[in-house]
Amino acid sequence: MPLKYALVHEWLTPKATGGSELVVQEILNSIDADLYALIDFESTNPESYLFKRQIGTTFLQHLPQARNGVQKYLPLLPFAIEQLDLRAYNIILSSSHTVAKGVLTSPDQMHICYCHTPMRFAWDLTFDYLRTSKLGHGPQGILTRYLLHRMRQWDVLTANRVDYFIANSQNSARRIWRCYRRPATVIYPPVNIQRFPFVTTKQDFYVTVSRLVSYKQVSLIVQAFNQLNKPLVVIGTGAELPEIRKLAKGNVQVLGSQPDEVVEKYMSQAKAFVYAACEDFGIALVEAQACGTPVIAYGAGGALETVRDIRQHPDTGTGLFFAQQTTAALVEAIEKFEAYQGCFNSEYARTHAAQFAPKTFTERYLSVLENSWQEFTNRVRSA
């Protein structure tokens, strides 16, 4: 009999369009799997590739305001994901950055988790989350801290429900080991390189494209450009949008959310793409390079795997790193970038980005899946 596959993701909504959703889409392009999620509002979205697809969901689907995100129901997420009945499947595939890896399986089912990150709000970003959330202060702050403590316990416990981990970067693999003490095979996520136009002649402005939330450090970028009085375009939306607009001086355009064609236009024509967050991988950094646009990035996390600093790679540099998330460090990096500006090779940046194309992801993912299933079945037979 043919193998039956289930693919589990956290949530499927029109607002969820990041790297984890690209992974889901690419897996479904190559594997005939039934899809499950905590909530689904994409199968009713005519503009989605999931339109009219049958998708299994949980009771969270029917709670008030679920469409705008289930994060508000955080204490219920572990319980909800455990209600998915996946007993009919041979192989469970999860795409997890919060709770998807916590589904219940039996000993004769293989579970491979593509882990984008151990839940960041409960681990690396705990204190940032507590500082910026209304729930992180006062008496309710104590309850929130206890909830995060229990989430960490559950997160470690459910790592034992996974047979094989895949990480989206070496950086994420190290975090998986630190949190779960489990090794992970690295497969970089798919980046739609062909979507982005390759432009060699750049205009006199910088650009950043990001969700406007605290850990993305967009305010730091705006402050640096305010100080330098250089032109910057900010694209994205989020909780910090009003603050960013107030902070921006006349040299900074804050465009908010924009359609894909506008993002592609600014990213391909910009003098450089600026990014100040520490990302697990950082798809936007690769997208910029696909346009032939050099990158000025905080030198940590996934950026170290996707960007080549021109100071270390004079002939093949695709960007330039700054060492600290401070205005002074970024200002210095921008000034250094302008000194090196004529040294960047746009053609090489495009070639460098091509190694992260969807075809490479699919080939590696299917290979790991096949080898893991063979190892798993041999182990089951010999048990």
Protein backbone atom coordinates (compact mmCIF):
# COMPACT_ATOMS: atom_id res chain seq x y z
CA MET A 1 0.00 0.00 0.00
CA PRO A 2 1.24 3.55 -0.69
CA LEU A 3 2.46 5.55 2.25
CA LYS A 4 0.09 8.14 3.71
CA TYR A 5 1.50 11.52 4.68
CA ALA A 6 0.19 14.24 7.00
CA LEU A 7 1.74 17.73 7.04
CA VAL A 8 1.16 19.82 10.18
CA HIS A 9 1.68 23.58 10.38
CA GLU A 10 0.75 26.11 13.08
CA TRP A 11 -1.67 28.45 11.33
CA LEU A 12 -2.77 29.24 7.79
CA THR A 13 -4.08 32.78 7.36
CA PRO A 14 -3.73 35.51 4.69
CA LYS A 15 -1.43 37.41 7.05
CA ALA A 16 0.94 34.45 7.49
CA THR A 17 3.18 34.68 4.41
CA GLY A 18 6.68 34.15 5.78
CA GLY A 19 9.39 31.58 5.27
CA SER A 20 7.57 28.81 7.13
CA GLU A 21 4.61 29.12 4.75
CA LEU A 22 6.98 28.88 1.77
CA VAL A 23 8.27 25.61 3.22
CA VAL A 24 4.72 24.26 3.51
CA GLN A 25 3.96 25.22 -0.08
CA GLU A 26 7.12 23.61 -1.42
CA ILE A 27 6.54 20.36 0.49
CA LEU A 28 2.99 20.16 -0.88
CA ASN A 29 4.36 20.70 -4.40
CA SER A 30 6.31 17.45 -4.18
CA ILE A 31 4.49 15.27 -1.62
CA ASP A 32 0.83 14.22 -1.66
CA ALA A 33 0.08 15.00 1.98
CA ASP A 34 -3.07 15.85 3.90
CA LEU A 35 -2.69 19.24 5.55
CA TYR A 36 -3.47 20.12 9.18
CA ALA A 37 -3.19 23.33 11.22
CA LEU A 38 -4.47 24.93 14.39
CA ILE A 39 -6.57 27.27 12.24
CA ASP A 40 -7.17 27.65 8.50
CA PHE A 41 -8.47 30.72 6.69
CA GLU A 42 -6.58 30.07 3.48
CA SER A 43 -8.79 27.34 2.01
CA THR A 44 -11.55 29.95 1.72
CA ASN A 45 -9.22 32.60 0.28
CA PRO A 46 -9.57 32.72 -3.54
CA GLU A 47 -6.08 34.25 -3.84
CA SER A 48 -4.38 31.40 -1.97
CA TYR A 49 -2.82 28.29 -3.46
CA LEU A 50 -4.74 26.43 -0.74
CA PHE A 51 -8.15 27.65 -1.99
CA LYS A 52 -10.78 24.88 -1.68
CA ARG A 53 -8.27 22.43 -0.20
CA GLN A 54 -9.46 20.17 2.62
CA ILE A 55 -7.50 21.13 5.74
CA GLY A 56 -7.90 19.63 9.20
CA THR A 57 -8.14 22.15 12.04
CA THR A 58 -8.71 22.33 15.81
CA PHE A 59 -11.35 23.89 18.06
CA LEU A 60 -9.39 27.16 17.89
CA GLN A 61 -10.86 27.64 14.42
CA HIS A 62 -14.19 28.60 15.98
CA LEU A 63 -12.99 30.95 18.73
CA PRO A 64 -13.55 34.73 18.45
CA GLN A 65 -10.99 36.65 16.37
CA ALA A 66 -9.08 33.48 15.49
CA ARG A 67 -8.69 34.76 11.94
CA ASN A 68 -6.46 37.57 13.21
CA GLY A 69 -4.13 35.10 14.92
CA VAL A 70 -4.31 32.45 17.62
CA GLN A 71 -1.38 33.88 19.57
CA LYS A 72 -3.95 35.51 21.87
CA TYR A 73 -4.93 31.95 22.89
CA LEU A 74 -1.34 31.00 23.73
CA PRO A 75 -2.16 28.85 26.82
CA LEU A 76 -4.44 26.69 24.64
CA LEU A 77 -2.03 26.05 21.77
CA PRO A 78 -0.27 22.96 23.20
CA PHE A 79 -3.59 21.38 24.17
CA ALA A 80 -5.11 22.21 20.78
CA ILE A 81 -2.33 20.71 18.65
CA GLU A 82 -2.60 17.46 20.63
CA GLN A 83 -6.24 17.10 19.54
CA LEU A 84 -5.32 16.40 15.91
CA ASP A 85 -5.99 12.71 15.21
CA LEU A 86 -3.25 11.53 12.84
CA ARG A 87 -3.48 7.78 13.44
CA ALA A 88 -4.29 7.04 9.78
CA TYR A 89 -0.86 8.17 8.53
CA ASN A 90 2.49 6.43 8.14
CA ILE A 91 4.61 9.58 8.03
CA ILE A 92 4.01 12.83 9.91
CA LEU A 93 5.76 15.93 8.55
CA SER A 94 5.64 19.08 10.66
CA SER A 95 6.64 22.64 9.83
CA SER A 96 7.09 24.07 13.30
CA HIS A 97 8.03 27.36 14.92
CA THR A 98 5.63 27.18 17.86
CA VAL A 99 3.69 23.98 18.62
CA ALA A 100 3.28 21.93 15.40
CA LYS A 101 5.94 19.43 16.45
CA GLY A 102 3.80 18.53 19.50
CA VAL A 103 1.27 16.36 17.65
CA LEU A 104 0.66 12.91 19.10
CA THR A 105 2.03 9.94 17.18
CA SER A 106 2.42 6.20 17.72
CA PRO A 107 5.67 4.17 17.71
CA ASP A 108 5.07 2.90 14.15
CA GLN A 109 4.65 6.42 12.74
CA MET A 110 7.70 8.41 11.66
CA HIS A 111 7.71 12.12 12.53
CA ILE A 112 10.08 14.49 10.74
CA CYS A 113 10.02 18.07 11.99
CA TYR A 114 11.28 20.95 9.86
CA CYS A 115 12.00 23.29 12.76
CA HIS A 116 12.22 26.95 11.78
CA THR A 117 13.12 27.74 15.38
CA PRO A 118 12.35 26.58 18.92
CA MET A 119 9.53 28.94 20.00
CA ARG A 120 11.40 32.22 20.23
CA PHE A 121 9.04 34.04 22.60
CA ALA A 122 9.60 31.30 25.20
CA TRP A 123 13.38 31.02 24.74
CA ASP A 124 15.60 33.70 23.15
CA LEU A 125 13.02 36.50 23.12
CA THR A 126 11.42 35.90 26.52
CA PHE A 127 12.56 39.15 28.09
CA ASP A 128 11.89 41.14 24.94
CA TYR A 129 8.35 39.69 24.90
CA LEU A 130 7.82 40.55 28.57
CA ARG A 131 9.14 44.09 28.08
CA THR A 132 6.93 44.92 25.09
CA SER A 133 3.74 43.08 26.06
CA LYS A 134 1.09 44.54 28.37
CA LEU A 135 0.91 41.08 29.92
CA GLY A 136 4.56 41.25 30.96
CA HIS A 137 4.11 43.81 33.74
CA GLY A 138 2.45 44.00 37.15
CA PRO A 139 0.65 41.08 38.80
CA GLN A 140 -0.30 39.61 35.42
CA GLY A 141 3.39 39.62 34.53
CA ILE A 142 4.00 36.92 37.14
CA LEU A 143 1.31 34.75 35.53
CA THR A 144 2.81 35.38 32.09
CA ARG A 145 6.27 34.35 33.29
CA TYR A 146 4.84 31.15 34.76
CA LEU A 147 3.01 30.43 31.51
CA LEU A 148 6.24 30.82 29.53
CA HIS A 149 7.97 28.52 32.02
CA ARG A 150 5.34 25.84 31.38
CA MET A 151 5.57 26.40 27.63
CA ARG A 152 9.32 25.73 27.78
CA GLN A 153 8.69 22.51 29.70
CA TRP A 154 6.11 21.36 27.14
CA ASP A 155 8.41 22.38 24.27
CA VAL A 156 11.26 20.21 25.57
CA LEU A 157 8.92 17.31 26.36
CA THR A 158 7.47 17.26 22.85
CA ALA A 159 10.90 17.22 21.22
CA ASN A 160 10.85 13.54 22.21
CA ARG A 161 7.86 13.03 19.90
CA VAL A 162 10.05 13.86 16.88
CA ASP A 163 12.13 11.15 15.23
CA TYR A 164 14.21 13.43 13.00
CA PHE A 165 14.79 17.18 13.11
CA ILE A 166 15.57 19.37 10.11
CA ALA A 167 16.74 22.95 10.78
CA ASN A 168 16.49 25.91 8.44
CA SER A 169 20.08 27.01 9.18
CA GLN A 170 23.17 26.09 11.16
CA ASN A 171 22.10 28.82 13.57
CA SER A 172 18.74 27.11 14.17
CA ALA A 173 20.44 23.72 14.47
CA ARG A 174 22.55 25.09 17.32
CA ARG A 175 19.42 26.44 19.02
CA ILE A 176 17.66 23.08 18.59
CA TRP A 177 20.62 21.38 20.26
CA ARG A 178 20.70 23.94 23.07
CA CYS A 179 16.96 23.67 23.81
CA TYR A 180 16.29 19.98 23.07
CA ARG A 181 19.73 18.31 22.96
CA ARG A 182 18.78 16.85 19.56
CA PRO A 183 20.87 16.97 16.35
CA ALA A 184 19.31 18.45 13.22
CA THR A 185 20.08 18.18 9.53
CA VAL A 186 20.31 21.62 7.90
CA ILE A 187 18.21 22.30 4.79
CA TYR A 188 17.92 25.95 3.88
CA PRO A 189 14.35 27.09 3.16
CA PRO A 190 13.23 27.74 -0.42
CA VAL A 191 13.54 31.28 -1.73
CA ASN A 192 11.65 32.20 -4.89
CA ILE A 193 14.66 33.69 -6.66
CA GLN A 194 12.86 34.04 -10.00
CA ARG A 195 10.28 36.37 -8.48
CA PHE A 196 12.86 39.13 -8.00
CA PRO A 197 14.13 41.22 -10.93
CA PHE A 198 17.88 41.44 -11.38
CA VAL A 199 18.91 45.11 -11.70
CA THR A 200 22.52 46.27 -11.99
CA THR A 201 21.92 50.03 -12.06
CA LYS A 202 20.92 51.17 -8.57
CA GLN A 203 19.20 54.34 -7.39
CA ASP A 204 20.32 56.65 -4.59
CA PHE A 205 18.33 55.22 -1.67
CA TYR A 206 18.48 52.39 0.86
CA VAL A 207 15.61 50.06 1.72
CA THR A 208 14.49 47.77 4.52
CA VAL A 209 11.56 45.35 4.29
CA SER A 210 10.42 43.84 7.56
CA ARG A 211 7.62 43.22 10.00
CA LEU A 212 7.61 46.24 12.30
CA VAL A 213 8.00 44.49 15.64
CA SER A 214 10.56 45.16 18.34
CA TYR A 215 13.09 42.40 17.69
CA LYS A 216 13.41 43.42 14.03
CA GLN A 217 15.15 46.63 15.23
CA VAL A 218 13.70 48.81 12.46
CA SER A 219 13.69 51.84 14.80
CA LEU A 220 17.46 51.43 15.10
CA ILE A 221 17.76 51.60 11.30
CA VAL A 222 15.59 54.72 11.13
CA GLN A 223 17.64 56.42 13.87
CA ALA A 224 20.87 55.69 11.99
CA PHE A 225 19.53 57.17 8.75
CA ASN A 226 18.10 60.17 10.61
CA GLN A 227 21.61 60.81 11.90
CA LEU A 228 23.21 60.41 8.47
CA ASN A 229 20.40 62.24 6.63
CA LYS A 230 20.51 59.64 3.86
CA PRO A 231 17.41 58.43 1.96
CA LEU A 232 15.76 55.31 3.37
CA VAL A 233 12.55 53.51 2.37
CA VAL A 234 10.83 51.40 5.05
CA ILE A 235 8.32 48.78 3.87
CA GLY A 236 6.28 46.67 6.27
CA THR A 237 3.63 46.81 8.93
CA GLY A 238 3.28 45.77 12.54
CA ALA A 239 2.80 47.01 16.08
CA GLU A 240 5.65 49.53 15.79
CA LEU A 241 4.38 51.25 12.62
CA PRO A 242 3.02 54.35 14.41
CA GLU A 243 6.24 54.72 16.41
CA ILE A 244 8.40 54.33 13.28
CA ARG A 245 6.37 57.01 11.48
CA LYS A 246 6.85 59.42 14.38
CA LEU A 247 10.56 58.69 14.52
CA ALA A 248 11.22 59.13 10.79
CA LYS A 249 12.59 62.45 9.56
CA GLY A 250 12.15 63.85 6.07
CA ASN A 251 14.83 61.61 4.56
CA VAL A 252 12.92 58.44 5.58
CA GLN A 253 9.81 57.25 3.71
CA VAL A 254 7.64 54.83 5.71
CA LEU A 255 5.38 53.11 3.17
CA GLY A 256 3.71 50.56 5.41
CA SER A 257 2.50 47.31 3.85
CA GLN A 258 2.93 47.12 0.07
CA PRO A 259 2.03 44.63 -2.68
CA ASP A 260 4.71 42.30 -4.02
CA GLU A 261 5.42 44.34 -7.12
CA VAL A 262 6.22 47.44 -5.05
CA VAL A 263 8.49 45.45 -2.73
CA GLU A 264 10.31 43.98 -5.73
CA LYS A 265 10.73 47.41 -7.33
CA TYR A 266 12.30 49.04 -4.27
CA MET A 267 14.41 46.01 -3.37
CA SER A 268 15.87 45.71 -6.86
CA GLN A 269 16.59 49.43 -7.31
CA ALA A 270 18.01 50.20 -3.87
CA LYS A 271 21.64 51.06 -3.29
CA ALA A 272 21.61 48.51 -0.43
CA PHE A 273 19.21 46.46 1.66
CA VAL A 274 19.55 47.16 5.40
CA TYR A 275 18.66 44.64 8.10
CA ALA A 276 19.28 44.85 11.84
CA ALA A 277 17.54 41.76 13.25
CA CYS A 278 19.12 38.48 14.37
CA GLU A 279 17.22 35.97 12.26
CA ASP A 280 17.13 32.18 12.27
CA PHE A 281 17.67 32.29 8.49
CA GLY A 282 16.53 35.60 6.97
CA ILE A 283 14.83 35.08 3.61
CA ALA A 284 14.71 38.83 2.88
CA LEU A 285 18.52 38.94 2.84
CA VAL A 286 18.60 36.30 0.10
CA GLU A 287 15.81 38.04 -1.84
CA ALA A 288 17.81 41.26 -1.89
CA GLN A 289 20.88 39.46 -3.20
CA ALA A 290 18.72 37.84 -5.89
CA CYS A 291 18.05 41.40 -7.11
CA GLY A 292 21.79 42.05 -7.24
CA THR A 293 21.38 44.38 -4.27
CA PRO A 294 24.13 44.30 -1.62
CA VAL A 295 23.17 43.85 2.03
CA ILE A 296 24.13 45.72 5.20
CA ALA A 297 23.20 43.33 8.00
CA TYR A 298 23.69 42.65 11.68
CA GLY A 299 26.42 40.02 11.73
CA ALA A 300 24.68 37.29 13.69
CA GLY A 301 22.32 34.36 13.20
CA GLY A 302 21.40 33.20 9.73
CA ALA A 303 22.91 36.26 8.04
CA LEU A 304 26.36 34.75 8.61
CA GLU A 305 25.30 31.84 6.36
CA THR A 306 23.66 33.82 3.56
CA VAL A 307 25.74 37.01 3.19
CA ARG A 308 29.44 37.27 2.29
CA ASP A 309 31.17 40.27 3.89
CA ILE A 310 33.21 42.08 1.27
CA ARG A 311 36.01 42.71 3.76
CA GLN A 312 36.61 38.96 4.03
CA HIS A 313 35.67 38.17 0.41
CA PRO A 314 36.96 41.08 -1.73
CA ASP A 315 36.07 39.40 -5.05
CA THR A 316 32.80 37.75 -4.07
CA GLY A 317 31.38 39.95 -1.33
CA THR A 318 27.61 40.42 -1.31
CA GLY A 319 27.31 42.70 1.71
CA LEU A 320 28.79 44.08 4.87
CA PHE A 321 28.16 43.20 8.53
CA PHE A 322 27.97 45.38 11.63
CA ALA A 323 28.83 43.78 14.96
CA GLN A 324 26.41 45.39 17.43
CA GLN A 325 22.72 46.30 17.34
CA THR A 326 23.44 49.96 18.01
CA THR A 327 22.92 53.14 16.02
CA ALA A 328 26.64 53.92 16.15
CA ALA A 329 27.60 50.50 14.74
CA LEU A 330 25.10 50.78 11.91
CA VAL A 331 26.14 54.36 11.07
CA GLU A 332 29.76 53.17 10.83
CA ALA A 333 28.72 50.23 8.62
CA ILE A 334 26.81 52.49 6.22
CA GLU A 335 29.79 54.79 5.90
CA LYS A 336 32.07 51.80 5.24
CA PHE A 337 29.58 50.46 2.71
CA GLU A 338 29.76 53.68 0.71
CA ALA A 339 33.54 53.42 0.64
CA TYR A 340 33.23 49.88 -0.78
CA GLN A 341 30.22 50.62 -2.99
CA GLY A 342 31.96 50.20 -6.34
CA CYS A 343 33.43 46.83 -5.29
CA PHE A 344 30.21 44.79 -5.15
CA ASN A 345 29.50 42.40 -8.03
CA SER A 346 25.75 42.26 -8.72
CA GLU A 347 26.06 39.19 -10.94
CA TYR A 348 27.78 37.25 -8.18
CA ALA A 349 25.11 38.27 -5.67
CA ARG A 350 22.46 36.77 -7.95
CA THR A 351 24.49 33.60 -8.40
CA HIS A 352 25.07 33.35 -4.66
CA ALA A 353 21.33 33.68 -3.97
CA ALA A 354 20.52 30.94 -6.52
CA GLN A 355 21.83 28.23 -4.18
CA PHE A 356 18.72 28.82 -2.04
CA ALA A 357 16.27 28.19 -4.90
CA PRO A 358 13.21 25.93 -4.31
CA LYS A 359 14.65 23.12 -6.46
CA THR A 360 17.60 22.72 -4.10
CA PHE A 361 15.31 22.65 -1.07
CA THR A 362 13.06 19.98 -2.63
CA GLU A 363 15.93 17.73 -3.65
CA ARG A 364 17.48 17.82 -0.19
CA TYR A 365 14.18 17.45 1.65
CA LEU A 366 13.10 14.40 -0.38
CA SER A 367 16.52 12.83 0.07
CA VAL A 368 16.40 13.26 3.85
CA LEU A 369 12.84 11.93 3.91
CA GLU A 370 13.76 8.80 1.94
CA ASN A 371 16.87 8.05 4.02
CA SER A 372 15.05 8.69 7.29
CA TRP A 373 12.18 6.36 6.37
CA GLN A 374 14.61 3.61 5.44
CA GLU A 375 16.46 4.00 8.74
CA PHE A 376 13.20 4.20 10.69
CA THR A 377 11.68 1.06 9.16
CA ASN A 378 14.91 -0.90 9.69
CA ARG A 379 14.89 0.13 13.33
CA VAL A 380 11.24 -0.87 13.76
CA ARG A 381 11.85 -4.28 12.18
CA SER A 382 14.83 -5.00 14.41
CA ALA A 383 13.08 -3.87 17.60
